[in-house]
C-alpha atoms as a PDB file:
ATOM      1  CA  UNK A   1      39.107  41.663-150.674  1.00  0.00           C
ATOM      2  CA  UNK A   2      35.842  42.041-149.063  1.00  0.00           C
ATOM      3  CA  UNK A   3      34.562  40.964-145.644  1.00  0.00           C
ATOM      4  CA  UNK A   4      32.652  38.186-146.820  1.00  0.00           C
ATOM      5  CA  UNK A   5      35.157  37.001-149.032  1.00  0.00           C
ATOM      6  CA  UNK A   6      37.946  36.948-146.269  1.00  0.00           C
ATOM      7  CA  UNK A   7      35.829  34.234-144.466  1.00  0.00           C
ATOM      8  CA  UNK A   8      36.281  31.792-147.281  1.00  0.00           C
ATOM      9  CA  UNK A   9      39.740  32.558-148.846  1.00  0.00           C
ATOM     10  CA  UNK A  10      43.394  32.325-147.848  1.00  0.00           C
ATOM     11  CA  UNK A  11      45.735  35.294-146.791  1.00  0.00           C
ATOM     12  CA  UNK A  12      48.428  36.226-149.034  1.00  0.00           C
ATOM     13  CA  UNK A  13      50.943  34.718-146.226  1.00  0.00           C
ATOM     14  CA  UNK A  14      49.214  31.720-146.654  1.00  0.00           C
ATOM     15  CA  UNK A  15      49.404  31.641-150.760  1.00  0.00           C
ATOM     16  CA  UNK A  16      53.144  32.131-150.489  1.00  0.00           C
ATOM     17  CA  UNK A  17      54.071  28.308-149.968  1.00  0.00           C
ATOM     18  CA  UNK A  18      51.578  27.526-152.569  1.00  0.00           C
ATOM     19  CA  UNK A  19      53.019  29.439-155.043  1.00  0.00           C
ATOM     20  CA  UNK A  20      56.393  27.905-154.219  1.00  0.00           C
ATOM     21  CA  UNK A  21      54.690  24.642-154.520  1.00  0.00           C
ATOM     22  CA  UNK A  22      53.287  25.567-157.669  1.00  0.00           C
ATOM     23  CA  UNK A  23      56.635  26.454-159.123  1.00  0.00           C
ATOM     24  CA  UNK A  24      58.254  23.364-158.462  1.00  0.00           C
ATOM     25  CA  UNK A  25      55.436  21.344-159.774  1.00  0.00           C
ATOM     26  CA  UNK A  26      55.968  23.469-162.922  1.00  0.00           C
ATOM     27  CA  UNK A  27      59.683  22.700-162.958  1.00  0.00           C
ATOM     28  CA  UNK A  28      59.170  19.047-162.654  1.00  0.00           C
ATOM     29  CA  UNK A  29      56.881  19.432-165.900  1.00  0.00           C
ATOM     30  CA  UNK A  30      59.820  20.757-167.740  1.00  0.00           C
ATOM     31  CA  UNK A  31      59.313  24.728-167.150  1.00  0.00           C
ATOM     32  CA  UNK A  32      62.059  26.861-166.272  1.00  0.00           C
ATOM     33  CA  UNK A  33      61.545  29.352-163.250  1.00  0.00           C
ATOM     34  CA  UNK A  34      61.321  32.097-165.322  1.00  0.00           C
ATOM     35  CA  UNK A  35      58.618  30.733-167.577  1.00  0.00           C
ATOM     36  CA  UNK A  36      56.585  29.804-164.447  1.00  0.00           C
ATOM     37  CA  UNK A  37      57.160  33.360-162.736  1.00  0.00           C
ATOM     38  CA  UNK A  38      55.916  35.018-166.289  1.00  0.00           C
ATOM     39  CA  UNK A  39      52.797  32.726-166.521  1.00  0.00           C
ATOM     40  CA  UNK A  40      52.008  33.656-162.810  1.00  0.00           C
ATOM     41  CA  UNK A  41      52.599  37.649-163.018  1.00  0.00           C
ATOM     42  CA  UNK A  42      50.161  37.736-165.936  1.00  0.00           C
ATOM     43  CA  UNK A  43      47.536  36.255-163.488  1.00  0.00           C
ATOM     44  CA  UNK A  44      45.626  38.477-161.102  1.00  0.00           C
ATOM     45  CA  UNK A  45      43.002  37.989-158.339  1.00  0.00           C
ATOM     46  CA  UNK A  46      39.318  38.555-159.455  1.00  0.00           C
ATOM     47  CA  UNK A  47      36.899  38.785-156.516  1.00  0.00           C
ATOM     48  CA  UNK A  48      33.930  38.411-159.166  1.00  0.00           C
ATOM     49  CA  UNK A  49      35.468  34.823-159.779  1.00  0.00           C
ATOM     50  CA  UNK A  50      35.031  34.212-155.828  1.00  0.00           C
ATOM     51  CA  UNK A  51      31.232  35.523-156.057  1.00  0.00           C
ATOM     52  CA  UNK A  52      30.364  33.697-158.814  1.00  0.00           C
ATOM     53  CA  UNK A  53      31.853  30.302-157.543  1.00  0.00           C
ATOM     54  CA  UNK A  54      29.640  30.719-154.159  1.00  0.00           C
ATOM     55  CA  UNK A  55      26.368  31.648-155.959  1.00  0.00           C
ATOM     56  CA  UNK A  56      26.197  29.053-158.799  1.00  0.00           C
ATOM     57  CA  UNK A  57      23.062  28.593-160.710  1.00  0.00           C
ATOM     58  CA  UNK A  58      22.883  25.120-159.600  1.00  0.00           C
ATOM     59  CA  UNK A  59      22.066  26.251-156.307  1.00  0.00           C
ATOM     60  CA  UNK A  60      18.648  27.214-157.554  1.00  0.00           C
ATOM     61  CA  UNK A  61      15.493  25.104-156.840  1.00  0.00           C
ATOM     62  CA  UNK A  62      14.497  22.924-160.470  1.00  0.00           C
ATOM     63  CA  UNK A  63      11.958  25.078-161.301  1.00  0.00           C
ATOM     64  CA  UNK A  64      13.632  28.324-161.299  1.00  0.00           C
ATOM     65  CA  UNK A  65      16.710  26.660-162.497  1.00  0.00           C
ATOM     66  CA  UNK A  66      15.199  24.878-165.692  1.00  0.00           C
ATOM     67  CA  UNK A  67      13.521  28.180-167.339  1.00  0.00           C
ATOM     68  CA  UNK A  68      17.118  29.477-167.904  1.00  0.00           C
ATOM     69  CA  UNK A  69      18.044  27.088-170.191  1.00  0.00           C
ATOM     70  CA  UNK A  70      14.956  25.350-171.662  1.00  0.00           C
ATOM     71  CA  UNK A  71      13.870  28.165-174.029  1.00  0.00           C
ATOM     72  CA  UNK A  72      12.277  28.346-177.620  1.00  0.00           C
ATOM     73  CA  UNK A  73      15.057  30.943-178.593  1.00  0.00           C
ATOM     74  CA  UNK A  74      17.853  28.119-177.635  1.00  0.00           C
ATOM     75  CA  UNK A  75      15.996  25.525-179.383  1.00  0.00           C
ATOM     76  CA  UNK A  76      15.654  27.421-182.403  1.00  0.00           C
ATOM     77  CA  UNK A  77      19.281  28.051-182.397  1.00  0.00           C
ATOM     78  CA  UNK A  78      20.050  24.351-181.524  1.00  0.00           C
ATOM     79  CA  UNK A  79      18.257  23.426-184.724  1.00  0.00           C
ATOM     80  CA  UNK A  80      20.034  26.083-186.970  1.00  0.00           C
ATOM     81  CA  UNK A  81      23.234  24.837-185.606  1.00  0.00           C
ATOM     82  CA  UNK A  82      22.483  21.130-185.939  1.00  0.00           C
ATOM     83  CA  UNK A  83      21.121  21.892-189.671  1.00  0.00           C
ATOM     84  CA  UNK A  84      24.344  23.880-190.387  1.00  0.00           C
ATOM     85  CA  UNK A  85      26.812  21.244-189.035  1.00  0.00           C
ATOM     86  CA  UNK A  86      24.712  18.209-190.099  1.00  0.00           C
ATOM     87  CA  UNK A  87      27.390  16.163-191.597  1.00  0.00           C
ATOM     88  CA  UNK A  88      30.098  16.765-188.776  1.00  0.00           C
ATOM     89  CA  UNK A  89      27.225  15.888-186.175  1.00  0.00           C
ATOM     90  CA  UNK A  90      26.596  13.040-187.742  1.00  0.00           C
ATOM     91  CA  UNK A  91      30.176  11.756-188.260  1.00  0.00           C
ATOM     92  CA  UNK A  92      30.939  12.474-184.802  1.00  0.00           C
ATOM     93  CA  UNK A  93      27.605  10.446-183.257  1.00  0.00           C
ATOM     94  CA  UNK A  94      28.912   7.776-185.649  1.00  0.00           C
ATOM     95  CA  UNK A  95      32.673   7.967-184.768  1.00  0.00           C
ATOM     96  CA  UNK A  96      32.073   8.401-180.960  1.00  0.00           C
ATOM     97  CA  UNK A  97      28.877   6.284-180.593  1.00  0.00           C
ATOM     98  CA  UNK A  98      26.930   9.107-178.903  1.00  0.00           C
ATOM     99  CA  UNK A  99      23.596  10.176-179.710  1.00  0.00           C
ATOM    100  CA  UNK A 100      23.699  13.391-181.811  1.00  0.00           C
ATOM    101  CA  UNK A 101      21.075  15.193-179.844  1.00  0.00           C
ATOM    102  CA  UNK A 102      23.259  15.043-176.907  1.00  0.00           C
ATOM    103  CA  UNK A 103      26.274  16.745-178.642  1.00  0.00           C
ATOM    104  CA  UNK A 104      23.718  19.688-179.642  1.00  0.00           C
ATOM    105  CA  UNK A 105      22.608  19.990-176.115  1.00  0.00           C
ATOM    106  CA  UNK A 106      25.791  20.181-174.588  1.00  0.00           C
ATOM    107  CA  UNK A 107      27.019  23.155-176.762  1.00  0.00           C
ATOM    108  CA  UNK A 108      23.691  24.747-176.336  1.00  0.00           C
ATOM    109  CA  UNK A 109      23.597  24.534-172.642  1.00  0.00           C
ATOM    110  CA  UNK A 110      27.179  25.382-172.270  1.00  0.00           C
ATOM    111  CA  UNK A 111      27.473  28.562-174.475  1.00  0.00           C
ATOM    112  CA  UNK A 112      24.566  28.988-176.557  1.00  0.00           C
ATOM    113  CA  UNK A 113      26.236  27.595-179.584  1.00  0.00           C
ATOM    114  CA  UNK A 114      29.299  29.968-179.149  1.00  0.00           C
ATOM    115  CA  UNK A 115      27.410  33.136-177.960  1.00  0.00           C
ATOM    116  CA  UNK A 116      28.394  33.145-174.697  1.00  0.00           C
ATOM    117  CA  UNK A 117      31.904  31.352-174.129  1.00  0.00           C
ATOM    118  CA  UNK A 118      32.568  33.591-170.777  1.00  0.00           C
ATOM    119  CA  UNK A 119      34.372  36.853-170.387  1.00  0.00           C
ATOM    120  CA  UNK A 120      36.856  35.980-167.341  1.00  0.00           C
ATOM    121  CA  UNK A 121      40.440  36.034-168.426  1.00  0.00           C
ATOM    122  CA  UNK A 122      40.837  32.115-167.830  1.00  0.00           C
ATOM    123  CA  UNK A 123      44.208  32.643-166.224  1.00  0.00           C
ATOM    124  CA  UNK A 124      42.792  35.034-163.651  1.00  0.00           C
ATOM    125  CA  UNK A 125      40.078  32.615-162.906  1.00  0.00           C
ATOM    126  CA  UNK A 126      42.192  29.433-162.393  1.00  0.00           C
ATOM    127  CA  UNK A 127      44.846  31.732-160.608  1.00  0.00           C
ATOM    128  CA  UNK A 128      42.331  33.268-158.152  1.00  0.00           C
ATOM    129  CA  UNK A 129      40.381  29.820-157.570  1.00  0.00           C
ATOM    130  CA  UNK A 130      43.676  27.851-157.302  1.00  0.00           C
ATOM    131  CA  UNK A 131      45.286  30.242-154.208  1.00  0.00           C
ATOM    132  CA  UNK A 132      42.443  31.854-152.677  1.00  0.00           C
ATOM    133  CA  UNK A 133      39.419  29.543-152.569  1.00  0.00           C
ATOM    134  CA  UNK A 134      40.252  26.658-150.209  1.00  0.00           C
ATOM    135  CA  UNK A 135      37.022  24.412-150.839  1.00  0.00           C
ATOM    136  CA  UNK A 136      38.638  23.521-154.050  1.00  0.00           C
ATOM    137  CA  UNK A 137      42.105  24.957-154.459  1.00  0.00           C
ATOM    138  CA  UNK A 138      43.893  21.774-154.749  1.00  0.00           C
ATOM    139  CA  UNK A 139      41.725  20.946-158.011  1.00  0.00           C
ATOM    140  CA  UNK A 140      42.184  24.361-159.252  1.00  0.00           C
ATOM    141  CA  UNK A 141      45.893  24.646-158.905  1.00  0.00           C
ATOM    142  CA  UNK A 142      45.779  21.552-161.068  1.00  0.00           C
ATOM    143  CA  UNK A 143      43.847  23.176-163.657  1.00  0.00           C
ATOM    144  CA  UNK A 144      46.034  26.292-163.837  1.00  0.00           C
ATOM    145  CA  UNK A 145      48.867  24.015-164.170  1.00  0.00           C
ATOM    146  CA  UNK A 146      47.308  22.212-166.881  1.00  0.00           C
ATOM    147  CA  UNK A 147      46.530  25.755-168.407  1.00  0.00           C
ATOM    148  CA  UNK A 148      50.363  26.568-168.522  1.00  0.00           C
ATOM    149  CA  UNK A 149      50.906  23.018-170.294  1.00  0.00           C
ATOM    150  CA  UNK A 150      47.860  23.833-172.535  1.00  0.00           C
ATOM    151  CA  UNK A 151      48.983  27.209-173.706  1.00  0.00           C
ATOM    152  CA  UNK A 152      52.317  25.555-174.698  1.00  0.00           C
ATOM    153  CA  UNK A 153      51.184  22.722-176.606  1.00  0.00           C
ATOM    154  CA  UNK A 154      48.263  24.464-178.592  1.00  0.00           C
ATOM    155  CA  UNK A 155      50.114  27.928-178.899  1.00  0.00           C
ATOM    156  CA  UNK A 156      47.177  29.621-177.504  1.00  0.00           C
ATOM    157  CA  UNK A 157      47.413  33.458-176.730  1.00  0.00           C
ATOM    158  CA  UNK A 158      47.092  33.602-172.758  1.00  0.00           C
ATOM    159  CA  UNK A 159      46.010  37.506-172.922  1.00  0.00           C
ATOM    160  CA  UNK A 160      42.875  36.730-175.241  1.00  0.00           C
ATOM    161  CA  UNK A 161      42.044  33.563-173.764  1.00  0.00           C
ATOM    162  CA  UNK A 162      38.474  34.184-172.141  1.00  0.00           C
ATOM    163  CA  UNK A 163      36.233  31.765-170.311  1.00  0.00           C
ATOM    164  CA  UNK A 164      33.882  30.973-167.681  1.00  0.00           C
ATOM    165  CA  UNK A 165      34.277  31.984-163.862  1.00  0.00           C
ATOM    166  CA  UNK A 166      35.474  28.223-163.084  1.00  0.00           C
ATOM    167  CA  UNK A 167      38.128  28.354-166.202  1.00  0.00           C
ATOM    168  CA  UNK A 168      35.961  26.563-168.721  1.00  0.00           C
ATOM    169  CA  UNK A 169      36.752  27.601-172.514  1.00  0.00           C
ATOM    170  CA  UNK A 170      35.379  27.192-175.930  1.00  0.00           C
ATOM    171  CA  UNK A 171      32.399  26.146-177.665  1.00  0.00           C
ATOM    172  CA  UNK A 172      31.851  23.090-174.878  1.00  0.00           C
ATOM    173  CA  UNK A 173      33.260  24.710-171.932  1.00  0.00           C
ATOM    174  CA  UNK A 174      36.241  22.584-171.705  1.00  0.00           C
ATOM    175  CA  UNK A 175      38.628  23.075-168.429  1.00  0.00           C
ATOM    176  CA  UNK A 176      42.112  22.663-169.060  1.00  0.00           C
ATOM    177  CA  UNK A 177      42.814  19.368-168.233  1.00  0.00           C
ATOM    178  CA  UNK A 178      39.753  18.166-170.457  1.00  0.00           C
ATOM    179  CA  UNK A 179      40.757  20.356-173.156  1.00  0.00           C
ATOM    180  CA  UNK A 180      44.325  18.439-172.946  1.00  0.00           C
ATOM    181  CA  UNK A 181      42.749  14.978-172.633  1.00  0.00           C
ATOM    182  CA  UNK A 182      39.718  14.775-174.717  1.00  0.00           C
ATOM    183  CA  UNK A 183      40.074  17.948-177.488  1.00  0.00           C
ATOM    184  CA  UNK A 184      40.378  16.237-181.017  1.00  0.00           C
ATOM    185  CA  UNK A 185      41.377  17.703-184.272  1.00  0.00           C
ATOM    186  CA  UNK A 186      38.115  16.984-186.140  1.00  0.00           C
ATOM    187  CA  UNK A 187      38.771  18.700-189.225  1.00  0.00           C
ATOM    188  CA  UNK A 188      41.927  17.572-189.629  1.00  0.00           C
ATOM    189  CA  UNK A 189      43.875  21.104-189.900  1.00  0.00           C
ATOM    190  CA  UNK A 190      46.307  20.559-187.855  1.00  0.00           C
ATOM    191  CA  UNK A 191      45.040  22.439-184.510  1.00  0.00           C
ATOM    192  CA  UNK A 192      42.481  21.266-181.613  1.00  0.00           C
ATOM    193  CA  UNK A 193      40.911  24.382-181.552  1.00  0.00           C
ATOM    194  CA  UNK A 194      37.869  24.626-179.262  1.00  0.00           C
ATOM    195  CA  UNK A 195      37.661  28.214-179.073  1.00  0.00           C
ATOM    196  CA  UNK A 196      37.017  29.016-182.734  1.00  0.00           C
ATOM    197  CA  UNK A 197      36.317  26.062-184.535  1.00  0.00           C
ATOM    198  CA  UNK A 198      32.742  24.351-184.209  1.00  0.00           C
ATOM    199  CA  UNK A 199      34.064  21.004-185.707  1.00  0.00           C
ATOM    200  CA  UNK A 200      36.769  20.430-183.483  1.00  0.00           C
ATOM    201  CA  UNK A 201      34.379  21.223-180.877  1.00  0.00           C
ATOM    202  CA  UNK A 202      31.599  18.956-181.724  1.00  0.00           C
ATOM    203  CA  UNK A 203      34.052  16.207-182.138  1.00  0.00           C
ATOM    204  CA  UNK A 204      35.671  17.009-178.585  1.00  0.00           C
ATOM    205  CA  UNK A 205      32.250  16.841-176.889  1.00  0.00           C
ATOM    206  CA  UNK A 206      31.526  13.649-178.448  1.00  0.00           C
ATOM    207  CA  UNK A 207      34.738  12.122-177.604  1.00  0.00           C
ATOM    208  CA  UNK A 208      34.033  13.258-173.855  1.00  0.00           C
ATOM    209  CA  UNK A 209      31.060  11.817-173.777  1.00  0.00           C
ATOM    210  CA  UNK A 210      32.514   8.552-175.568  1.00  0.00           C
ATOM    211  CA  UNK A 211      35.557   8.248-172.941  1.00  0.00           C
ATOM    212  CA  UNK A 212      33.087   8.833-169.907  1.00  0.00           C
ATOM    213  CA  UNK A 213      31.198   5.601-171.008  1.00  0.00           C
ATOM    214  CA  UNK A 214      28.188   7.103-173.047  1.00  0.00           C
ATOM    215  CA  UNK A 215      25.779   4.230-174.045  1.00  0.00           C
ATOM    216  CA  UNK A 216      24.086   5.271-177.442  1.00  0.00           C
ATOM    217  CA  UNK A 217      20.311   4.611-177.675  1.00  0.00           C
ATOM    218  CA  UNK A 218      20.203   3.471-173.839  1.00  0.00           C
ATOM    219  CA  UNK A 219      17.882   5.295-171.396  1.00  0.00           C
ATOM    220  CA  UNK A 220      19.125   8.360-169.848  1.00  0.00           C
ATOM    221  CA  UNK A 221      16.526   9.017-166.763  1.00  0.00           C
ATOM    222  CA  UNK A 222      13.199   7.684-166.163  1.00  0.00           C
ATOM    223  CA  UNK A 223      10.353   9.506-164.023  1.00  0.00           C
ATOM    224  CA  UNK A 224       8.885   7.852-160.938  1.00  0.00           C
ATOM    225  CA  UNK A 225       5.810   7.581-159.128  1.00  0.00           C
ATOM    226  CA  UNK A 226       6.006   7.892-155.562  1.00  0.00           C
ATOM    227  CA  UNK A 227       3.640   7.008-152.834  1.00  0.00           C
ATOM    228  CA  UNK A 228       3.118   9.554-150.105  1.00  0.00           C
ATOM    229  CA  UNK A 229       6.747  10.073-149.397  1.00  0.00           C
ATOM    230  CA  UNK A 230      10.156   8.505-150.463  1.00  0.00           C
ATOM    231  CA  UNK A 231      10.973   5.647-148.216  1.00  0.00           C
ATOM    232  CA  UNK A 232      13.594   6.658-145.576  1.00  0.00           C
ATOM    233  CA  UNK A 233      16.253   4.235-146.619  1.00  0.00           C
ATOM    234  CA  UNK A 234      16.656   5.998-149.978  1.00  0.00           C
ATOM    235  CA  UNK A 235      18.762   8.908-150.297  1.00  0.00           C
ATOM    236  CA  UNK A 236      18.847  11.497-153.223  1.00  0.00           C
ATOM    237  CA  UNK A 237      21.951  11.399-155.344  1.00  0.00           C
ATOM    238  CA  UNK A 238      24.349  14.019-154.384  1.00  0.00           C
ATOM    239  CA  UNK A 239      27.466  13.552-156.553  1.00  0.00           C
ATOM    240  CA  UNK A 240      28.913  10.540-155.300  1.00  0.00           C
ATOM    241  CA  UNK A 241      29.926   7.083-157.179  1.00  0.00           C
ATOM    242  CA  UNK A 242      27.215   4.903-158.373  1.00  0.00           C
ATOM    243  CA  UNK A 243      26.018   2.365-155.361  1.00  0.00           C
ATOM    244  CA  UNK A 244      22.481   1.952-156.110  1.00  0.00           C
ATOM    245  CA  UNK A 245      21.024  -0.485-158.648  1.00  0.00           C
ATOM    246  CA  UNK A 246      17.696   0.040-160.293  1.00  0.00           C
ATOM    247  CA  UNK A 247      16.314  -2.719-157.788  1.00  0.00           C
ATOM    248  CA  UNK A 248      17.606  -0.836-154.785  1.00  0.00           C
ATOM    249  CA  UNK A 249      15.172   2.598-155.871  1.00  0.00           C
ATOM    250  CA  UNK A 250      12.280   0.459-156.984  1.00  0.00           C
ATOM    251  CA  UNK A 251       9.816  -0.828-154.705  1.00  0.00           C
ATOM    252  CA  UNK A 252       6.130  -1.129-154.377  1.00  0.00           C
ATOM    253  CA  UNK A 253       6.068   2.432-153.108  1.00  0.00           C
ATOM    254  CA  UNK A 254       8.474   3.701-155.824  1.00  0.00           C
ATOM    255  CA  UNK A 255       7.583   2.735-159.483  1.00  0.00           C
ATOM    256  CA  UNK A 256       8.264   3.809-162.822  1.00  0.00           C
ATOM    257  CA  UNK A 257       5.650   6.456-164.017  1.00  0.00           C
ATOM    258  CA  UNK A 258       5.640   4.454-167.336  1.00  0.00           C
ATOM    259  CA  UNK A 259       5.886   0.530-167.009  1.00  0.00           C
ATOM    260  CA  UNK A 260       8.863  -0.559-169.065  1.00  0.00           C
ATOM    261  CA  UNK A 261      11.043  -3.153-169.148  1.00  0.00           C
ATOM    262  CA  UNK A 262      14.560  -2.553-167.718  1.00  0.00           C
ATOM    263  CA  UNK A 263      17.505  -4.617-166.149  1.00  0.00           C
ATOM    264  CA  UNK A 264      17.095  -3.641-162.652  1.00  0.00           C
ATOM    265  CA  UNK A 265      20.734  -4.741-161.977  1.00  0.00           C
ATOM    266  CA  UNK A 266      22.144  -1.687-163.940  1.00  0.00           C
ATOM    267  CA  UNK A 267      23.473   1.112-161.671  1.00  0.00           C
ATOM    268  CA  UNK A 268      21.190   4.076-160.952  1.00  0.00           C
ATOM    269  CA  UNK A 269      20.589   7.099-158.894  1.00  0.00           C
ATOM    270  CA  UNK A 270      17.757   9.082-157.455  1.00  0.00           C
ATOM    271  CA  UNK A 271      17.276  12.410-158.876  1.00  0.00           C
ATOM    272  CA  UNK A 272      14.885  15.273-156.847  1.00  0.00           C
ATOM    273  CA  UNK A 273      13.426  17.942-158.762  1.00  0.00           C
ATOM    274  CA  UNK A 274      11.669  20.856-156.789  1.00  0.00           C
ATOM    275  CA  UNK A 275       8.625  22.063-158.336  1.00  0.00           C
ATOM    276  CA  UNK A 276       6.537  25.182-157.288  1.00  0.00           C
ATOM    277  CA  UNK A 277       4.116  22.899-155.860  1.00  0.00           C
ATOM    278  CA  UNK A 278       5.316  19.416-155.506  1.00  0.00           C
ATOM    279  CA  UNK A 279       8.433  17.544-155.810  1.00  0.00           C
ATOM    280  CA  UNK A 280       9.301  15.102-158.477  1.00  0.00           C
ATOM    281  CA  UNK A 281      11.635  11.899-158.306  1.00  0.00           C
ATOM    282  CA  UNK A 282      13.500  10.426-161.432  1.00  0.00           C
ATOM    283  CA  UNK A 283      15.697   7.297-161.737  1.00  0.00           C
ATOM    284  CA  UNK A 284      18.927   8.239-163.487  1.00  0.00           C
ATOM    285  CA  UNK A 285      20.917   5.389-165.354  1.00  0.00           C
ATOM    286  CA  UNK A 286      24.211   5.389-166.438  1.00  0.00           C
ATOM    287  CA  UNK A 287      24.042   7.782-169.396  1.00  0.00           C
ATOM    288  CA  UNK A 288      22.666  10.377-166.566  1.00  0.00           C
ATOM    289  CA  UNK A 289      25.728   9.799-164.693  1.00  0.00           C
ATOM    290  CA  UNK A 290      27.769  10.463-168.124  1.00  0.00           C
ATOM    291  CA  UNK A 291      26.344  13.662-168.252  1.00  0.00           C
ATOM    292  CA  UNK A 292      27.168  14.668-164.813  1.00  0.00           C
ATOM    293  CA  UNK A 293      30.895  14.044-165.539  1.00  0.00           C
ATOM    294  CA  UNK A 294      30.759  17.255-167.481  1.00  0.00           C
ATOM    295  CA  UNK A 295      29.076  18.839-164.461  1.00  0.00           C
ATOM    296  CA  UNK A 296      28.332  17.401-161.025  1.00  0.00           C
ATOM    297  CA  UNK A 297      24.788  18.834-160.861  1.00  0.00           C
ATOM    298  CA  UNK A 298      21.792  16.762-161.279  1.00  0.00           C
ATOM    299  CA  UNK A 299      19.996  19.871-162.337  1.00  0.00           C
ATOM    300  CA  UNK A 300      22.422  20.486-165.237  1.00  0.00           C
ATOM    301  CA  UNK A 301      22.119  17.016-166.108  1.00  0.00           C
ATOM    302  CA  UNK A 302      18.324  17.234-166.414  1.00  0.00           C
ATOM    303  CA  UNK A 303      18.371  20.128-167.979  1.00  0.00           C
ATOM    304  CA  UNK A 304      20.896  18.674-170.951  1.00  0.00           C
ATOM    305  CA  UNK A 305      18.742  15.594-171.064  1.00  0.00           C
ATOM    306  CA  UNK A 306      15.216  17.250-171.394  1.00  0.00           C
ATOM    307  CA  UNK A 307      16.613  19.961-173.977  1.00  0.00           C
ATOM    308  CA  UNK A 308      18.472  16.892-175.794  1.00  0.00           C
ATOM    309  CA  UNK A 309      14.931  15.516-176.301  1.00  0.00           C
ATOM    310  CA  UNK A 310      13.005  18.853-177.479  1.00  0.00           C
ATOM    311  CA  UNK A 311      16.198  18.948-180.188  1.00  0.00           C
ATOM    312  CA  UNK A 312      15.243  15.188-181.210  1.00  0.00           C
ATOM    313  CA  UNK A 313      11.610  15.801-181.323  1.00  0.00           C
ATOM    314  CA  UNK A 314      12.103  18.977-183.253  1.00  0.00           C
ATOM    315  CA  UNK A 315      14.352  17.367-185.637  1.00  0.00           C
ATOM    316  CA  UNK A 316      12.178  14.698-186.423  1.00  0.00           C
ATOM    317  CA  UNK A 317       9.258  16.739-187.503  1.00  0.00           C
END
């Protein structure tokens, strides 16, 4: 363990009771002590996971963040993926009431259409974060628990299960709990395979958005025009539940950049985007918040939205 890591990590003595607690949790779920121990024995600590978790891309300012994702190469790949799976995407959009471009955008942003699904052993990532990363250890131990159940239910090979540094896997990068709760067998072959089957992935992403309340055809985020500076009583959204309405954000000094009729009583949030020479402000609505259920970063949600619009525009040409 590096000196840097030790300031944010648990030591082995602190980990022992957590492993005992994990053992009891898994036994209560029906696993034997031997099965749980074998599961834990397959995992190893990975310092690279800690390093990646403490330096996420979402920590970058917007003007450095969006060029990573909004590229011509990704757009071309997205149009090709959409064309290849046109019937599946249309069926998913109709069945789950989700705009098709948002499905394509998510898979493109997450894994470049299956091109980059992650090289971290999922069990190592969740083990490392669940036992050695105090800020979110409880959350990741739950995901580690879900992983053992997922492997059993879906008959996955733990030794070949690779994903992100946060333990997300497959075309749509589902963490184990999301895989268990939102994955669908969209091609009806008897398996929910998000690792190798783009058809299941498309249906599962659509189901995820449907279950979180996506409103098809509704606006996602609207640009604002701000006179001088933001009113002091307004706070930029930082991941909390929606507390503002559009009426709380809009005022004589904060207006929609383009005049359109909206329901000002609807829930809304304020997004701040740091450009090189200025700061942009946007008003996110319910659909924007739904995107953040996938990844809580407003920068991520904005990249997904803008990419979805590029895809929609290109598809209509």
